[in-house]
Protein backbone atom coordinates (compact mmCIF):
# COMPACT_ATOMS: atom_id res chain seq x y z
CA UNK A 1 5.35 -1.47 5.11
CA UNK A 2 6.80 -4.52 6.90
CA UNK A 3 6.47 -2.74 10.25
CA UNK A 4 2.70 -2.42 9.78
CA UNK A 5 2.70 1.31 8.99
CA UNK A 6 0.75 2.68 6.05
CA UNK A 7 0.91 5.84 3.95
CA UNK A 8 -2.45 7.04 2.64
CA UNK A 9 -4.14 10.39 2.00
CA UNK A 10 -5.29 10.77 5.62
CA UNK A 11 -1.84 9.91 7.05
CA UNK A 12 0.74 10.31 4.27
CA UNK A 13 3.79 9.12 6.22
CA UNK A 14 4.76 5.65 7.45
CA UNK A 15 6.85 7.15 10.29
CA UNK A 16 5.24 6.71 13.67
CA UNK A 17 5.88 9.31 16.37
CA UNK A 18 7.09 8.17 19.79
CA UNK A 19 4.60 7.85 22.63
CA UNK A 20 3.63 11.07 24.43
CA UNK A 21 6.31 12.29 26.79
CA UNK A 22 9.22 10.77 24.86
CA UNK A 23 11.46 13.20 22.96
CA UNK A 24 11.54 13.03 19.18
CA UNK A 25 14.04 14.28 16.66
CA UNK A 26 12.19 17.14 14.88
CA UNK A 27 13.32 15.71 11.53
CA UNK A 28 12.46 12.08 12.34
CA UNK A 29 9.29 12.28 10.21
CA UNK A 30 11.59 12.42 7.18
CA UNK A 31 12.64 8.80 7.80
CA UNK A 32 9.27 7.34 6.80
CA UNK A 33 7.85 6.49 3.42
CA UNK A 34 5.98 9.58 2.28
CA UNK A 35 2.95 9.73 -0.04
CA UNK A 36 3.78 12.61 -2.37
CA UNK A 37 0.17 13.60 -3.19
CA UNK A 38 -3.36 12.25 -3.59
CA UNK A 39 -4.01 11.93 -7.35
CA UNK A 40 -7.43 13.10 -8.58
CA UNK A 41 -8.38 14.14 -5.04
CA UNK A 42 -12.01 15.27 -4.79
CA UNK A 43 -12.41 14.43 -8.50
CA UNK A 44 -10.08 17.24 -9.58
CA UNK A 45 -8.50 15.54 -12.57
CA UNK A 46 -4.72 15.45 -12.76
CA UNK A 47 -3.69 15.20 -16.42
CA UNK A 48 -1.77 11.99 -15.75
CA UNK A 49 -2.46 11.25 -12.08
CA UNK A 50 0.23 9.51 -10.12
CA UNK A 51 0.97 8.82 -6.49
CA UNK A 52 4.26 7.67 -5.02
CA UNK A 53 5.34 6.50 -1.60
CA UNK A 54 9.04 7.28 -1.41
CA UNK A 55 11.86 7.15 1.11
CA UNK A 56 14.14 10.12 0.52
CA UNK A 57 17.75 10.94 1.27
CA UNK A 58 17.77 13.65 3.91
CA UNK A 59 20.36 16.08 5.19
CA UNK A 60 21.74 15.28 8.64
CA UNK A 61 24.19 17.18 10.80
CA UNK A 62 27.09 15.44 9.01
CA UNK A 63 25.68 15.62 5.46
CA UNK A 64 23.35 13.41 3.40
CA UNK A 65 21.73 10.45 5.17
CA UNK A 66 20.50 7.58 3.01
CA UNK A 67 16.98 6.38 3.76
CA UNK A 68 16.55 3.23 5.82
CA UNK A 69 13.91 1.22 4.03
CA UNK A 70 12.71 -1.67 6.22
CA UNK A 71 13.25 -5.16 4.79
CA UNK A 72 10.21 -7.40 4.48
CA UNK A 73 6.86 -7.51 2.74
CA UNK A 74 5.12 -4.41 1.38
CA UNK A 75 1.45 -4.34 0.42
CA UNK A 76 0.14 -1.89 -2.16
CA UNK A 77 -3.60 -1.20 -2.30
CA UNK A 78 -5.77 0.78 -4.69
CA UNK A 79 -8.51 2.57 -2.75
CA UNK A 80 -11.15 3.86 -5.15
CA UNK A 81 -12.69 6.70 -3.17
CA UNK A 82 -15.00 7.80 -5.96
CA UNK A 83 -15.54 6.96 -9.62
CA UNK A 84 -15.98 10.70 -10.36
CA UNK A 85 -18.93 9.87 -12.67
CA UNK A 86 -16.89 7.35 -14.66
CA UNK A 87 -18.03 3.78 -15.30
CA UNK A 88 -14.51 2.47 -14.71
CA UNK A 89 -11.00 3.68 -13.95
CA UNK A 90 -7.81 1.95 -15.00
CA UNK A 91 -4.82 1.88 -12.67
CA UNK A 92 -1.19 0.79 -12.79
CA UNK A 93 0.93 -0.02 -9.74
CA UNK A 94 4.69 -0.56 -9.85
CA UNK A 95 7.20 -1.19 -7.07
CA UNK A 96 10.83 -0.16 -7.50
CA UNK A 97 13.94 -0.33 -5.37
CA UNK A 98 17.09 1.56 -6.33
CA UNK A 99 15.59 2.21 -9.76
CA UNK A 100 14.94 -1.49 -10.44
CA UNK A 101 11.39 -2.64 -11.15
CA UNK A 102 10.37 -5.37 -8.71
CA UNK A 103 6.82 -5.95 -9.89
CA UNK A 104 4.02 -4.18 -11.75
CA UNK A 105 0.33 -4.83 -12.21
CA UNK A 106 -2.61 -3.18 -13.99
CA UNK A 107 -6.26 -3.28 -13.06
CA UNK A 108 -9.61 -1.61 -13.45
CA UNK A 109 -11.78 -0.19 -10.69
CA UNK A 110 -15.56 -0.18 -11.05
CA UNK A 111 -18.33 1.32 -8.92
CA UNK A 112 -18.34 -1.96 -6.94
CA UNK A 113 -14.85 -1.04 -5.67
CA UNK A 114 -16.06 2.19 -4.05
CA UNK A 115 -16.55 1.11 -0.47
CA UNK A 116 -16.69 2.82 2.89
CA UNK A 117 -14.85 3.54 5.05
CA UNK A 118 -11.70 4.80 3.39
CA UNK A 119 -8.46 4.90 5.28
CA UNK A 120 -5.71 2.59 6.44
CA UNK A 121 -6.13 -0.98 5.13
CA UNK A 122 -8.86 0.10 2.68
CA UNK A 123 -8.98 -0.78 -0.99
CA UNK A 124 -8.14 -3.68 -3.25
CA UNK A 125 -4.75 -5.35 -2.77
CA UNK A 126 -2.88 -4.71 -6.02
CA UNK A 127 0.45 -6.35 -5.20
CA UNK A 128 2.79 -7.55 -2.49
CA UNK A 129 6.56 -7.35 -2.81
CA UNK A 130 9.35 -8.39 -0.49
CA UNK A 131 12.54 -6.39 -0.01
CA UNK A 132 15.55 -8.27 1.32
């Protein structure tokens, strides 16, 4: 996200906890962009695998609280962890805001895309979008 935080399978939330010793709202983690699941994890095939990083409306003490999505540039990467015995794997990445498509791109991963290590900042940059 524009603040430099990343959601990926090893850390599925863009929210960053406060430094040790500083109090934190126990529901503050809900304010980050959250990766909903890791599609085809460990080569267990999802019928139609999909992964989403979403900012959700949450319930506060006074009712629903709309998510605060930081303005700025977002980078979306495709990290091919394994080809799962396939010669190639097609992917599709789309970025939406308020239900409106901002940009979409398709690509194909090959065994050359399987690199180590996996984690934050890993993978092929699929697209960059800017939210006002």
